[in-house]
């Protein structure tokens, strides 16, 4: 009887310790600017990031006194263009989405290089900048909806994909 009871307790502990892997929907490159719209307020941004993209709210990043006009929020997890992400950072100015940064990390530099190549193949180079600046653009019916800058960490251990609200260029 004792062994049956012990077996039951161990089974319960084992079942309760089993962690489920969180499933994230794969966010496409053009969903930033189409699903997650520029100028959305914080409540709308948080709803899309936590409910539609299934991210976990992590924290509000404190700003200095001179930067009180803006708010910065960090979310954890996610999947972007087929690759798992570490975090997403939303920057709002006057409660209006202006910048979104997606952080991707991997200990294998080759995986980061492959993902960057895959990503740039689906993006359009931004002709307003030098190709060495790694600036890209997403357009919808000829209108810019998002500008993107891609930066890699030294030794290709991580990639930062930053989306900006597209503004008309004046020359």
Protein backbone atom coordinates (compact mmCIF):
# COMPACT_ATOMS: atom_id res chain seq x y z
CA UNK A 1 0.00 0.00 0.00
CA UNK A 2 2.86 2.35 0.87
CA UNK A 3 4.51 1.75 -2.48
CA UNK A 4 1.25 2.49 -4.32
CA UNK A 5 0.82 5.70 -2.35
CA UNK A 6 4.45 6.68 -3.05
CA UNK A 7 3.97 5.90 -6.74
CA UNK A 8 0.84 8.09 -6.80
CA UNK A 9 2.67 11.02 -5.12
CA UNK A 10 5.68 10.76 -7.48
CA UNK A 11 3.34 10.63 -10.49
CA UNK A 12 1.52 13.76 -9.31
CA UNK A 13 4.82 15.59 -8.78
CA UNK A 14 6.06 14.52 -12.20
CA UNK A 15 2.85 15.67 -13.90
CA UNK A 16 2.84 19.02 -12.09
CA UNK A 17 6.49 19.67 -12.97
CA UNK A 18 5.99 18.97 -16.64
CA UNK A 19 6.19 22.32 -18.41
CA UNK A 20 4.37 22.94 -21.62
CA UNK A 21 6.13 24.74 -24.41
CA UNK A 22 4.29 27.91 -25.31
CA UNK A 23 3.16 28.00 -28.92
CA UNK A 24 3.59 31.31 -30.70
CA UNK A 25 1.91 32.25 -33.96
CA UNK A 26 4.40 33.05 -36.70
CA UNK A 27 4.29 36.82 -37.21
CA UNK A 28 4.92 37.70 -40.85
CA UNK A 29 7.24 40.52 -41.85
CA UNK A 30 4.41 42.73 -43.12
CA UNK A 31 2.14 42.28 -40.09
CA UNK A 32 4.03 45.15 -38.46
CA UNK A 33 2.27 48.02 -40.13
CA UNK A 34 -0.75 45.97 -41.23
CA UNK A 35 -1.98 44.08 -38.14
CA UNK A 36 -0.04 46.11 -35.62
CA UNK A 37 -0.75 49.59 -36.92
CA UNK A 38 1.33 52.69 -36.44
CA UNK A 39 -0.28 55.30 -34.19
CA UNK A 40 -2.15 52.66 -32.15
CA UNK A 41 -2.33 53.50 -28.45
CA UNK A 42 -0.81 51.35 -25.70
CA UNK A 43 -4.01 49.43 -24.93
CA UNK A 44 -4.36 48.43 -28.60
CA UNK A 45 -0.65 47.58 -28.97
CA UNK A 46 -0.64 45.45 -25.81
CA UNK A 47 -3.79 43.61 -26.93
CA UNK A 48 -2.26 42.65 -30.30
CA UNK A 49 1.13 41.71 -28.85
CA UNK A 50 -0.30 39.61 -26.00
CA UNK A 51 -3.42 38.15 -27.62
CA UNK A 52 -2.70 37.96 -31.36
CA UNK A 53 1.09 37.42 -31.20
CA UNK A 54 0.85 35.56 -27.82
CA UNK A 55 3.78 37.47 -26.26
CA UNK A 56 4.22 37.84 -22.50
CA UNK A 57 4.28 41.35 -21.06
CA UNK A 58 7.63 41.76 -19.29
CA UNK A 59 7.92 45.34 -18.06
CA UNK A 60 7.74 49.03 -18.69
CA UNK A 61 11.25 50.36 -19.15
CA UNK A 62 11.81 53.45 -17.05
CA UNK A 63 12.62 56.66 -18.88
CA UNK A 64 14.54 59.69 -17.67
CA UNK A 65 12.68 62.87 -16.71
CA UNK A 66 13.48 64.50 -20.06
CA UNK A 67 11.91 61.56 -21.94
CA UNK A 68 8.51 61.66 -20.24
CA UNK A 69 6.85 62.13 -23.64
CA UNK A 70 7.55 58.51 -24.54
CA UNK A 71 6.93 55.10 -22.99
CA UNK A 72 8.86 51.89 -23.64
CA UNK A 73 7.35 48.45 -23.04
CA UNK A 74 9.06 45.07 -23.31
CA UNK A 75 7.38 41.76 -24.17
CA UNK A 76 9.01 38.31 -24.07
CA UNK A 77 8.83 35.32 -26.40
CA UNK A 78 7.32 35.16 -29.84
CA UNK A 79 8.05 33.95 -33.32
CA UNK A 80 8.91 36.20 -36.24
CA UNK A 81 9.18 35.04 -39.83
CA UNK A 82 9.73 31.44 -38.73
CA UNK A 83 12.30 32.15 -35.99
CA UNK A 84 11.87 32.26 -32.21
CA UNK A 85 12.42 35.68 -30.66
CA UNK A 86 13.80 36.73 -27.30
CA UNK A 87 11.90 39.97 -26.84
CA UNK A 88 9.89 42.73 -28.51
CA UNK A 89 10.15 46.36 -27.45
CA UNK A 90 7.38 48.82 -28.30
CA UNK A 91 8.14 52.55 -28.14
CA UNK A 92 5.18 54.90 -27.93
CA UNK A 93 5.28 58.67 -28.13
CA UNK A 94 2.26 60.53 -26.76
CA UNK A 95 0.54 57.12 -26.47
CA UNK A 96 1.08 56.42 -30.17
CA UNK A 97 3.20 53.53 -31.54
CA UNK A 98 6.34 54.83 -33.30
CA UNK A 99 9.00 52.07 -33.09
CA UNK A 100 9.00 48.30 -32.61
CA UNK A 101 12.20 46.35 -32.03
CA UNK A 102 12.40 42.56 -32.31
CA UNK A 103 15.40 40.86 -30.66
CA UNK A 104 16.53 37.48 -31.95
CA UNK A 105 19.34 35.55 -30.25
CA UNK A 106 21.06 32.29 -31.13
CA UNK A 107 24.37 30.81 -30.00
CA UNK A 108 24.93 29.55 -33.55
CA UNK A 109 26.16 32.50 -35.69
CA UNK A 110 25.30 30.60 -38.87
CA UNK A 111 21.62 30.53 -37.88
CA UNK A 112 21.63 34.33 -37.41
CA UNK A 113 23.34 34.84 -40.78
CA UNK A 114 20.83 32.53 -42.50
CA UNK A 115 17.86 34.29 -40.89
CA UNK A 116 19.17 37.73 -41.85
CA UNK A 117 19.60 36.56 -45.46
CA UNK A 118 16.11 35.03 -45.48
CA UNK A 119 14.65 38.23 -44.03
CA UNK A 120 16.33 40.58 -46.50
CA UNK A 121 15.17 38.45 -49.42
CA UNK A 122 11.52 39.27 -48.61
CA UNK A 123 12.12 42.97 -47.95
CA UNK A 124 12.59 45.81 -50.39
CA UNK A 125 15.81 47.85 -49.99
CA UNK A 126 15.14 51.46 -49.01
CA UNK A 127 16.42 53.53 -51.91
CA UNK A 128 16.61 56.62 -49.69
CA UNK A 129 19.56 55.15 -47.77
CA UNK A 130 22.85 53.52 -48.60
CA UNK A 131 22.68 49.71 -48.71
CA UNK A 132 25.41 49.65 -46.03
CA UNK A 133 22.90 51.12 -43.56
CA UNK A 134 20.81 47.94 -43.85
CA UNK A 135 17.58 49.90 -44.28
CA UNK A 136 14.53 48.27 -45.83
CA UNK A 137 10.93 49.21 -46.50
CA UNK A 138 7.55 47.51 -46.62
CA UNK A 139 5.07 48.96 -49.07
CA UNK A 140 1.39 48.39 -49.68
CA UNK A 141 0.05 49.57 -53.06
CA UNK A 142 3.13 51.76 -53.51
CA UNK A 143 2.76 53.43 -50.09
CA UNK A 144 5.39 52.97 -47.40
CA UNK A 145 3.86 51.36 -44.35
CA UNK A 146 7.04 50.54 -42.41
CA UNK A 147 10.74 51.28 -42.54
CA UNK A 148 13.09 48.66 -41.15
CA UNK A 149 16.69 48.63 -40.00
CA UNK A 150 18.51 45.35 -39.37
CA UNK A 151 21.57 45.24 -37.11
CA UNK A 152 23.56 42.23 -35.98
CA UNK A 153 25.51 41.89 -32.76
CA UNK A 154 29.25 41.27 -32.93
CA UNK A 155 30.06 37.65 -33.75
CA UNK A 156 26.53 37.22 -35.19
CA UNK A 157 25.08 36.03 -31.88
CA UNK A 158 21.94 38.14 -32.23
CA UNK A 159 19.93 40.23 -34.64
CA UNK A 160 17.93 43.37 -33.94
CA UNK A 161 15.10 44.13 -36.36
CA UNK A 162 13.72 47.62 -35.81
CA UNK A 163 10.52 48.79 -37.45
CA UNK A 164 9.79 52.51 -37.72
CA UNK A 165 6.67 54.33 -38.70
CA UNK A 166 7.21 55.41 -42.31
CA UNK A 167 7.29 59.13 -42.88
CA UNK A 168 7.19 60.85 -46.26
CA UNK A 169 10.69 61.73 -47.44
CA UNK A 170 11.40 65.34 -48.34
CA UNK A 171 14.30 66.08 -50.65
